[in-house]
Amino acid sequence: MAKIEIYTRPFCGYCARAISTLTDKGVDFEEIEAGMDPKLRQEMMDRSGRSTFPQIFIDGKHIGGCDDMLALDRAGKLDPMLGA
């Protein structure tokens, strides 16, 4: 199984959608709530080069946000990355 990390913030619809997608796929992931923690938000920005939520990493590789992950899923590329 892949190591999945997702940086989120409270009350974020895109974050909820991304988490729901990962949950529906039955994969384990680490949610890092960075919305209210300046240190974690900076860590997310340093790793991803982006400031929007969520930011998703699979095995340390940045795959982007929710829309990026859903595009990978539609293209049939997400499941192999997840090891699902």
PDB file of N, CA and C in Angstrom:
ATOM      1  N   MET A   1       0.833  -1.199   0.000  1.00  0.00           N
ATOM      2  CA  MET A   1       0.000   0.000   0.000  1.00  0.00           C
ATOM      3  C   MET A   1       0.870   1.252   0.000  1.00  0.00           C
ATOM      4  N   ALA A   2       0.389   2.235  -0.687  1.00  0.00           N
ATOM      5  CA  ALA A   2       1.100   3.508  -0.784  1.00  0.00           C
ATOM      6  C   ALA A   2       0.918   4.316   0.501  1.00  0.00           C
ATOM      7  N   LYS A   3       1.888   5.185   0.755  1.00  0.00           N
ATOM      8  CA  LYS A   3       1.766   6.136   1.857  1.00  0.00           C
ATOM      9  C   LYS A   3       1.093   7.382   1.292  1.00  0.00           C
ATOM     10  N   ILE A   4      -0.072   7.717   1.818  1.00  0.00           N
ATOM     11  CA  ILE A   4      -0.852   8.844   1.320  1.00  0.00           C
ATOM     12  C   ILE A   4      -0.945   9.893   2.418  1.00  0.00           C
ATOM     13  N   GLU A   5      -0.604  11.124   2.057  1.00  0.00           N
ATOM     14  CA  GLU A   5      -0.713  12.257   2.971  1.00  0.00           C
ATOM     15  C   GLU A   5      -1.579  13.309   2.306  1.00  0.00           C
ATOM     16  N   ILE A   6      -2.481  13.879   3.088  1.00  0.00           N
ATOM     17  CA  ILE A   6      -3.347  14.932   2.548  1.00  0.00           C
ATOM     18  C   ILE A   6      -3.403  16.081   3.553  1.00  0.00           C
ATOM     19  N   TYR A   7      -2.979  17.240   3.094  1.00  0.00           N
ATOM     20  CA  TYR A   7      -3.050  18.460   3.910  1.00  0.00           C
ATOM     21  C   TYR A   7      -4.441  19.060   3.717  1.00  0.00           C
ATOM     22  N   THR A   8      -5.118  19.308   4.829  1.00  0.00           N
ATOM     23  CA  THR A   8      -6.489  19.816   4.779  1.00  0.00           C
ATOM     24  C   THR A   8      -6.646  21.045   5.666  1.00  0.00           C
ATOM     25  N   ARG A   9      -7.819  21.664   5.527  1.00  0.00           N
ATOM     26  CA  ARG A   9      -8.227  22.737   6.447  1.00  0.00           C
ATOM     27  C   ARG A   9      -9.704  22.520   6.763  1.00  0.00           C
ATOM     28  N   PRO A  10     -10.171  23.024   7.906  1.00  0.00           N
ATOM     29  CA  PRO A  10     -11.581  22.843   8.280  1.00  0.00           C
ATOM     30  C   PRO A  10     -12.526  23.510   7.283  1.00  0.00           C
ATOM     31  N   PHE A  11     -13.690  22.922   7.134  1.00  0.00           N
ATOM     32  CA  PHE A  11     -14.784  23.482   6.312  1.00  0.00           C
ATOM     33  C   PHE A  11     -14.398  23.654   4.851  1.00  0.00           C
ATOM     34  N   CYS A  12     -13.576  22.760   4.340  1.00  0.00           N
ATOM     35  CA  CYS A  12     -13.107  22.820   2.952  1.00  0.00           C
ATOM     36  C   CYS A  12     -13.819  21.730   2.156  1.00  0.00           C
ATOM     37  N   GLY A  13     -14.661  22.148   1.227  1.00  0.00           N
ATOM     38  CA  GLY A  13     -15.400  21.196   0.413  1.00  0.00           C
ATOM     39  C   GLY A  13     -14.506  20.310  -0.436  1.00  0.00           C
ATOM     40  N   TYR A  14     -13.430  20.890  -0.984  1.00  0.00           N
ATOM     41  CA  TYR A  14     -12.502  20.100  -1.792  1.00  0.00           C
ATOM     42  C   TYR A  14     -11.773  19.069  -0.932  1.00  0.00           C
ATOM     43  N   CYS A  15     -11.444  19.461   0.294  1.00  0.00           N
ATOM     44  CA  CYS A  15     -10.803  18.526   1.223  1.00  0.00           C
ATOM     45  C   CYS A  15     -11.748  17.361   1.525  1.00  0.00           C
ATOM     46  N   ALA A  16     -13.009  17.691   1.798  1.00  0.00           N
ATOM     47  CA  ALA A  16     -13.998  16.657   2.100  1.00  0.00           C
ATOM     48  C   ALA A  16     -14.159  15.710   0.915  1.00  0.00           C
ATOM     49  N   ARG A  17     -14.191  16.237  -0.288  1.00  0.00           N
ATOM     50  CA  ARG A  17     -14.346  15.405  -1.486  1.00  0.00           C
ATOM     51  C   ARG A  17     -13.143  14.481  -1.662  1.00  0.00           C
ATOM     52  N   ALA A  18     -11.951  15.005  -1.458  1.00  0.00           N
ATOM     53  CA  ALA A  18     -10.734  14.195  -1.592  1.00  0.00           C
ATOM     54  C   ALA A  18     -10.710  13.086  -0.544  1.00  0.00           C
ATOM     55  N   ILE A  19     -11.036  13.426   0.690  1.00  0.00           N
ATOM     56  CA  ILE A  19     -11.069  12.430   1.764  1.00  0.00           C
ATOM     57  C   ILE A  19     -12.117  11.373   1.469  1.00  0.00           C
ATOM     58  N   SER A  20     -13.283  11.787   0.997  1.00  0.00           N
ATOM     59  CA  SER A  20     -14.344  10.857   0.654  1.00  0.00           C
ATOM     60  C   SER A  20     -13.895   9.893  -0.444  1.00  0.00           C
ATOM     61  N   THR A  21     -13.222  10.405  -1.449  1.00  0.00           N
ATOM     62  CA  THR A  21     -12.726   9.563  -2.542  1.00  0.00           C
ATOM     63  C   THR A  21     -11.743   8.528  -2.026  1.00  0.00           C
ATOM     64  N   LEU A  22     -10.797   8.960  -1.200  1.00  0.00           N
ATOM     65  CA  LEU A  22      -9.812   8.027  -0.647  1.00  0.00           C
ATOM     66  C   LEU A  22     -10.475   7.003   0.267  1.00  0.00           C
ATOM     67  N   THR A  23     -11.437   7.450   1.071  1.00  0.00           N
ATOM     68  CA  THR A  23     -12.162   6.549   1.962  1.00  0.00           C
ATOM     69  C   THR A  23     -12.942   5.512   1.155  1.00  0.00           C
ATOM     70  N   ASP A  24     -13.613   5.969   0.105  1.00  0.00           N
ATOM     71  CA  ASP A  24     -14.385   5.056  -0.755  1.00  0.00           C
ATOM     72  C   ASP A  24     -13.487   4.008  -1.401  1.00  0.00           C
ATOM     73  N   LYS A  25     -12.232   4.356  -1.651  1.00  0.00           N
ATOM     74  CA  LYS A  25     -11.297   3.414  -2.252  1.00  0.00           C
ATOM     75  C   LYS A  25     -10.713   2.457  -1.223  1.00  0.00           C
ATOM     76  N   GLY A  26     -10.999   2.707   0.057  1.00  0.00           N
ATOM     77  CA  GLY A  26     -10.562   1.808   1.118  1.00  0.00           C
ATOM     78  C   GLY A  26      -9.083   1.878   1.430  1.00  0.00           C
ATOM     79  N   VAL A  27      -8.465   3.005   1.146  1.00  0.00           N
ATOM     80  CA  VAL A  27      -7.034   3.138   1.429  1.00  0.00           C
ATOM     81  C   VAL A  27      -6.820   3.940   2.711  1.00  0.00           C
ATOM     82  N   ASP A  28      -5.730   3.634   3.390  1.00  0.00           N
ATOM     83  CA  ASP A  28      -5.357   4.393   4.575  1.00  0.00           C
ATOM     84  C   ASP A  28      -4.625   5.653   4.133  1.00  0.00           C
ATOM     85  N   PHE A  29      -4.840   6.727   4.872  1.00  0.00           N
ATOM     86  CA  PHE A  29      -4.146   7.974   4.569  1.00  0.00           C
ATOM     87  C   PHE A  29      -3.952   8.747   5.856  1.00  0.00           C
ATOM     88  N   GLU A  30      -2.975   9.638   5.819  1.00  0.00           N
ATOM     89  CA  GLU A  30      -2.698  10.528   6.946  1.00  0.00           C
ATOM     90  C   GLU A  30      -3.250  11.894   6.598  1.00  0.00           C
ATOM     91  N   GLU A  31      -4.199  12.353   7.400  1.00  0.00           N
ATOM     92  CA  GLU A  31      -4.728  13.702   7.227  1.00  0.00           C
ATOM     93  C   GLU A  31      -3.922  14.647   8.100  1.00  0.00           C
ATOM     94  N   ILE A  32      -3.388  15.683   7.490  1.00  0.00           N
ATOM     95  CA  ILE A  32      -2.605  16.686   8.208  1.00  0.00           C
ATOM     96  C   ILE A  32      -3.402  17.978   8.146  1.00  0.00           C
ATOM     97  N   GLU A  33      -4.069  18.302   9.258  1.00  0.00           N
ATOM     98  CA  GLU A  33      -4.890  19.511   9.274  1.00  0.00           C
ATOM     99  C   GLU A  33      -3.976  20.715   9.469  1.00  0.00           C
ATOM    100  N   ALA A  34      -3.804  21.477   8.394  1.00  0.00           N
ATOM    101  CA  ALA A  34      -2.832  22.573   8.380  1.00  0.00           C
ATOM    102  C   ALA A  34      -3.489  23.943   8.295  1.00  0.00           C
ATOM    103  N   GLY A  35      -4.798  23.998   8.231  1.00  0.00           N
ATOM    104  CA  GLY A  35      -5.489  25.265   8.044  1.00  0.00           C
ATOM    105  C   GLY A  35      -5.272  26.279   9.147  1.00  0.00           C
ATOM    106  N   MET A  36      -5.164  25.799  10.364  1.00  0.00           N
ATOM    107  CA  MET A  36      -5.025  26.709  11.507  1.00  0.00           C
ATOM    108  C   MET A  36      -3.628  26.670  12.118  1.00  0.00           C
ATOM    109  N   ASP A  37      -2.720  25.953  11.464  1.00  0.00           N
ATOM    110  CA  ASP A  37      -1.371  25.803  12.003  1.00  0.00           C
ATOM    111  C   ASP A  37      -0.372  26.387  10.989  1.00  0.00           C
ATOM    112  N   PRO A  38       0.134  27.593  11.270  1.00  0.00           N
ATOM    113  CA  PRO A  38       1.030  28.247  10.309  1.00  0.00           C
ATOM    114  C   PRO A  38       2.250  27.399   9.938  1.00  0.00           C
ATOM    115  N   LYS A  39       2.774  26.640  10.891  1.00  0.00           N
ATOM    116  CA  LYS A  39       3.947  25.800  10.623  1.00  0.00           C
ATOM    117  C   LYS A  39       3.612  24.701   9.618  1.00  0.00           C
ATOM    118  N   LEU A  40       2.488  24.034   9.839  1.00  0.00           N
ATOM    119  CA  LEU A  40       2.082  22.964   8.925  1.00  0.00           C
ATOM    120  C   LEU A  40       1.693  23.515   7.562  1.00  0.00           C
ATOM    121  N   ARG A  41       1.058  24.680   7.544  1.00  0.00           N
ATOM    122  CA  ARG A  41       0.701  25.297   6.263  1.00  0.00           C
ATOM    123  C   ARG A  41       1.967  25.644   5.478  1.00  0.00           C
ATOM    124  N   GLN A  42       2.976  26.160   6.155  1.00  0.00           N
ATOM    125  CA  GLN A  42       4.243  26.473   5.498  1.00  0.00           C
ATOM    126  C   GLN A  42       4.904  25.195   4.989  1.00  0.00           C
ATOM    127  N   GLU A  43       4.858  24.134   5.794  1.00  0.00           N
ATOM    128  CA  GLU A  43       5.399  22.847   5.366  1.00  0.00           C
ATOM    129  C   GLU A  43       4.711  22.378   4.077  1.00  0.00           C
ATOM    130  N   MET A  44       3.377  22.505   4.042  1.00  0.00           N
ATOM    131  CA  MET A  44       2.611  22.119   2.862  1.00  0.00           C
ATOM    132  C   MET A  44       3.047  22.946   1.645  1.00  0.00           C
ATOM    133  N   MET A  45       3.177  24.243   1.825  1.00  0.00           N
ATOM    134  CA  MET A  45       3.562  25.126   0.717  1.00  0.00           C
ATOM    135  C   MET A  45       4.984  24.822   0.250  1.00  0.00           C
ATOM    136  N   ASP A  46       5.886  24.542   1.194  1.00  0.00           N
ATOM    137  CA  ASP A  46       7.261  24.201   0.834  1.00  0.00           C
ATOM    138  C   ASP A  46       7.304  22.907   0.024  1.00  0.00           C
ATOM    139  N   ARG A  47       6.503  21.934   0.426  1.00  0.00           N
ATOM    140  CA  ARG A  47       6.498  20.632  -0.254  1.00  0.00           C
ATOM    141  C   ARG A  47       5.800  20.687  -1.608  1.00  0.00           C
ATOM    142  N   SER A  48       4.723  21.455  -1.701  1.00  0.00           N
ATOM    143  CA  SER A  48       3.882  21.413  -2.901  1.00  0.00           C
ATOM    144  C   SER A  48       4.085  22.602  -3.841  1.00  0.00           C
ATOM    145  N   GLY A  49       4.563  23.715  -3.306  1.00  0.00           N
ATOM    146  CA  GLY A  49       4.653  24.930  -4.101  1.00  0.00           C
ATOM    147  C   GLY A  49       3.303  25.602  -4.273  1.00  0.00           C
ATOM    148  N   ARG A  50       2.294  25.140  -3.547  1.00  0.00           N
ATOM    149  CA  ARG A  50       0.937  25.681  -3.638  1.00  0.00           C
ATOM    150  C   ARG A  50       0.429  26.061  -2.252  1.00  0.00           C
ATOM    151  N   SER A  51      -0.528  26.992  -2.240  1.00  0.00           N
ATOM    152  CA  SER A  51      -1.082  27.440  -0.961  1.00  0.00           C
ATOM    153  C   SER A  51      -2.536  27.031  -0.773  1.00  0.00           C
ATOM    154  N   THR A  52      -3.126  26.371  -1.761  1.00  0.00           N
ATOM    155  CA  THR A  52      -4.536  25.991  -1.668  1.00  0.00           C
ATOM    156  C   THR A  52      -4.684  24.596  -1.062  1.00  0.00           C
ATOM    157  N   PHE A  53      -5.870  24.355  -0.535  1.00  0.00           N
ATOM    158  CA  PHE A  53      -6.169  23.073   0.099  1.00  0.00           C
ATOM    159  C   PHE A  53      -7.158  22.288  -0.740  1.00  0.00           C
ATOM    160  N   PRO A  54      -7.073  20.966  -0.699  1.00  0.00           N
ATOM    161  CA  PRO A  54      -6.031  20.138  -0.087  1.00  0.00           C
ATOM    162  C   PRO A  54      -4.820  20.018  -1.003  1.00  0.00           C
ATOM    163  N   GLN A  55      -3.739  19.515  -0.455  1.00  0.00           N
ATOM    164  CA  GLN A  55      -2.576  19.101  -1.236  1.00  0.00           C
ATOM    165  C   GLN A  55      -2.317  17.645  -0.871  1.00  0.00           C
ATOM    166  N   ILE A  56      -2.148  16.835  -1.902  1.00  0.00           N
ATOM    167  CA  ILE A  56      -2.106  15.386  -1.713  1.00  0.00           C
ATOM    168  C   ILE A  56      -0.763  14.845  -2.203  1.00  0.00           C
ATOM    169  N   PHE A  57      -0.201  13.945  -1.394  1.00  0.00           N
ATOM    170  CA  PHE A  57       1.071  13.294  -1.708  1.00  0.00           C
ATOM    171  C   PHE A  57       0.877  11.785  -1.645  1.00  0.00           C
ATOM    172  N   ILE A  58       1.410  11.088  -2.634  1.00  0.00           N
ATOM    173  CA  ILE A  58       1.386   9.627  -2.640  1.00  0.00           C
ATOM    174  C   ILE A  58       2.833   9.162  -2.716  1.00  0.00           C
ATOM    175  N   ASP A  59       3.241   8.415  -1.694  1.00  0.00           N
ATOM    176  CA  ASP A  59       4.638   7.960  -1.578  1.00  0.00           C
ATOM    177  C   ASP A  59       5.613   9.123  -1.729  1.00  0.00           C
ATOM    178  N   GLY A  60       5.268  10.251  -1.118  1.00  0.00           N
ATOM    179  CA  GLY A  60       6.138  11.424  -1.120  1.00  0.00           C
ATOM    180  C   GLY A  60       6.064  12.270  -2.379  1.00  0.00           C
ATOM    181  N   LYS A  61       5.337  11.800  -3.400  1.00  0.00           N
ATOM    182  CA  LYS A  61       5.227  12.549  -4.656  1.00  0.00           C
ATOM    183  C   LYS A  61       3.966  13.395  -4.628  1.00  0.00           C
ATOM    184  N   HIS A  62       4.125  14.674  -4.913  1.00  0.00           N
ATOM    185  CA  HIS A  62       2.988  15.593  -4.935  1.00  0.00           C
ATOM    186  C   HIS A  62       2.142  15.316  -6.173  1.00  0.00           C
ATOM    187  N   ILE A  63       0.853  15.013  -5.956  1.00  0.00           N
ATOM    188  CA  ILE A  63      -0.019  14.793  -7.118  1.00  0.00           C
ATOM    189  C   ILE A  63      -0.968  15.960  -7.341  1.00  0.00           C
ATOM    190  N   GLY A  64      -0.979  16.931  -6.424  1.00  0.00           N
ATOM    191  CA  GLY A  64      -1.820  18.107  -6.582  1.00  0.00           C
ATOM    192  C   GLY A  64      -2.954  18.140  -5.590  1.00  0.00           C
ATOM    193  N   GLY A  65      -4.027  18.828  -5.998  1.00  0.00           N
ATOM    194  CA  GLY A  65      -5.193  18.981  -5.143  1.00  0.00           C
ATOM    195  C   GLY A  65      -6.289  17.991  -5.508  1.00  0.00           C
ATOM    196  N   CYS A  66      -7.491  18.279  -5.043  1.00  0.00           N
ATOM    197  CA  CYS A  66      -8.633  17.396  -5.260  1.00  0.00           C
ATOM    198  C   CYS A  66      -8.915  17.207  -6.745  1.00  0.00           C
ATOM    199  N   ASP A  67      -9.001  18.294  -7.495  1.00  0.00           N
ATOM    200  CA  ASP A  67      -9.301  18.184  -8.927  1.00  0.00           C
ATOM    201  C   ASP A  67      -8.243  17.361  -9.653  1.00  0.00           C
ATOM    202  N   ASP A  68      -6.983  17.537  -9.270  1.00  0.00           N
ATOM    203  CA  ASP A  68      -5.897  16.766  -9.882  1.00  0.00           C
ATOM    204  C   ASP A  68      -6.059  15.279  -9.581  1.00  0.00           C
ATOM    205  N   MET A  69      -6.393  14.967  -8.326  1.00  0.00           N
ATOM    206  CA  MET A  69      -6.575  13.570  -7.947  1.00  0.00           C
ATOM    207  C   MET A  69      -7.761  12.955  -8.684  1.00  0.00           C
ATOM    208  N   LEU A  70      -8.857  13.691  -8.799  1.00  0.00           N
ATOM    209  CA  LEU A  70     -10.038  13.173  -9.495  1.00  0.00           C
ATOM    210  C   LEU A  70      -9.744  12.973 -10.986  1.00  0.00           C
ATOM    211  N   ALA A  71      -8.932  13.840 -11.565  1.00  0.00           N
ATOM    212  CA  ALA A  71      -8.542  13.668 -12.971  1.00  0.00           C
ATOM    213  C   ALA A  71      -7.715  12.395 -13.148  1.00  0.00           C
ATOM    214  N   LEU A  72      -6.814  12.133 -12.207  1.00  0.00           N
ATOM    215  CA  LEU A  72      -6.041  10.885 -12.245  1.00  0.00           C
ATOM    216  C   LEU A  72      -6.975   9.682 -12.142  1.00  0.00           C
ATOM    217  N   ASP A  73      -7.981   9.793 -11.280  1.00  0.00           N
ATOM    218  CA  ASP A  73      -8.937   8.702 -11.107  1.00  0.00           C
ATOM    219  C   ASP A  73      -9.711   8.459 -12.403  1.00  0.00           C
ATOM    220  N   ARG A  74     -10.208   9.524 -13.030  1.00  0.00           N
ATOM    221  CA  ARG A  74     -10.955   9.383 -14.291  1.00  0.00           C
ATOM    222  C   ARG A  74     -10.102   8.761 -15.387  1.00  0.00           C
ATOM    223  N   ALA A  75      -8.807   9.046 -15.359  1.00  0.00           N
ATOM    224  CA  ALA A  75      -7.891   8.518 -16.371  1.00  0.00           C
ATOM    225  C   ALA A  75      -7.432   7.098 -16.046  1.00  0.00           C
ATOM    226  N   GLY A  76      -7.890   6.550 -14.910  1.00  0.00           N
ATOM    227  CA  GLY A  76      -7.494   5.197 -14.529  1.00  0.00           C
ATOM    228  C   GLY A  76      -6.096   5.102 -13.960  1.00  0.00           C
ATOM    229  N   LYS A  77      -5.528   6.234 -13.567  1.00  0.00           N
ATOM    230  CA  LYS A  77      -4.148   6.242 -13.078  1.00  0.00           C
ATOM    231  C   LYS A  77      -4.032   6.269 -11.550  1.00  0.00           C
ATOM    232  N   LEU A  78      -5.128   6.591 -10.855  1.00  0.00           N
ATOM    233  CA  LEU A  78      -5.040   6.746  -9.405  1.00  0.00           C
ATOM    234  C   LEU A  78      -4.902   5.402  -8.681  1.00  0.00           C
ATOM    235  N   ASP A  79      -5.750   4.431  -9.026  1.00  0.00           N
ATOM    236  CA  ASP A  79      -5.718   3.149  -8.322  1.00  0.00           C
ATOM    237  C   ASP A  79      -4.332   2.497  -8.336  1.00  0.00           C
ATOM    238  N   PRO A  80      -3.643   2.467  -9.489  1.00  0.00           N
ATOM    239  CA  PRO A  80      -2.289   1.888  -9.457  1.00  0.00           C
ATOM    240  C   PRO A  80      -1.337   2.652  -8.527  1.00  0.00           C
ATOM    241  N   MET A  81      -1.502   3.967  -8.464  1.00  0.00           N
ATOM    242  CA  MET A  81      -0.643   4.769  -7.573  1.00  0.00           C
ATOM    243  C   MET A  81      -0.935   4.451  -6.113  1.00  0.00           C
ATOM    244  N   LEU A  82      -2.214   4.180  -5.818  1.00  0.00           N
ATOM    245  CA  LEU A  82      -2.622   3.900  -4.444  1.00  0.00           C
ATOM    246  C   LEU A  82      -2.301   2.481  -4.020  1.00  0.00           C
ATOM    247  N   GLY A  83      -2.036   1.635  -5.009  1.00  0.00           N
ATOM    248  CA  GLY A  83      -1.841   0.223  -4.689  1.00  0.00           C
ATOM    249  C   GLY A  83      -3.160  -0.440  -4.357  1.00  0.00           C
ATOM    250  N   ALA A  84      -4.267   0.164  -4.831  1.00  0.00           N
ATOM    251  CA  ALA A  84      -5.609  -0.353  -4.519  1.00  0.00           C
ATOM    252  C   ALA A  84      -6.037  -1.383  -5.551  1.00  0.00           C
TER     253      ALA A  84
END
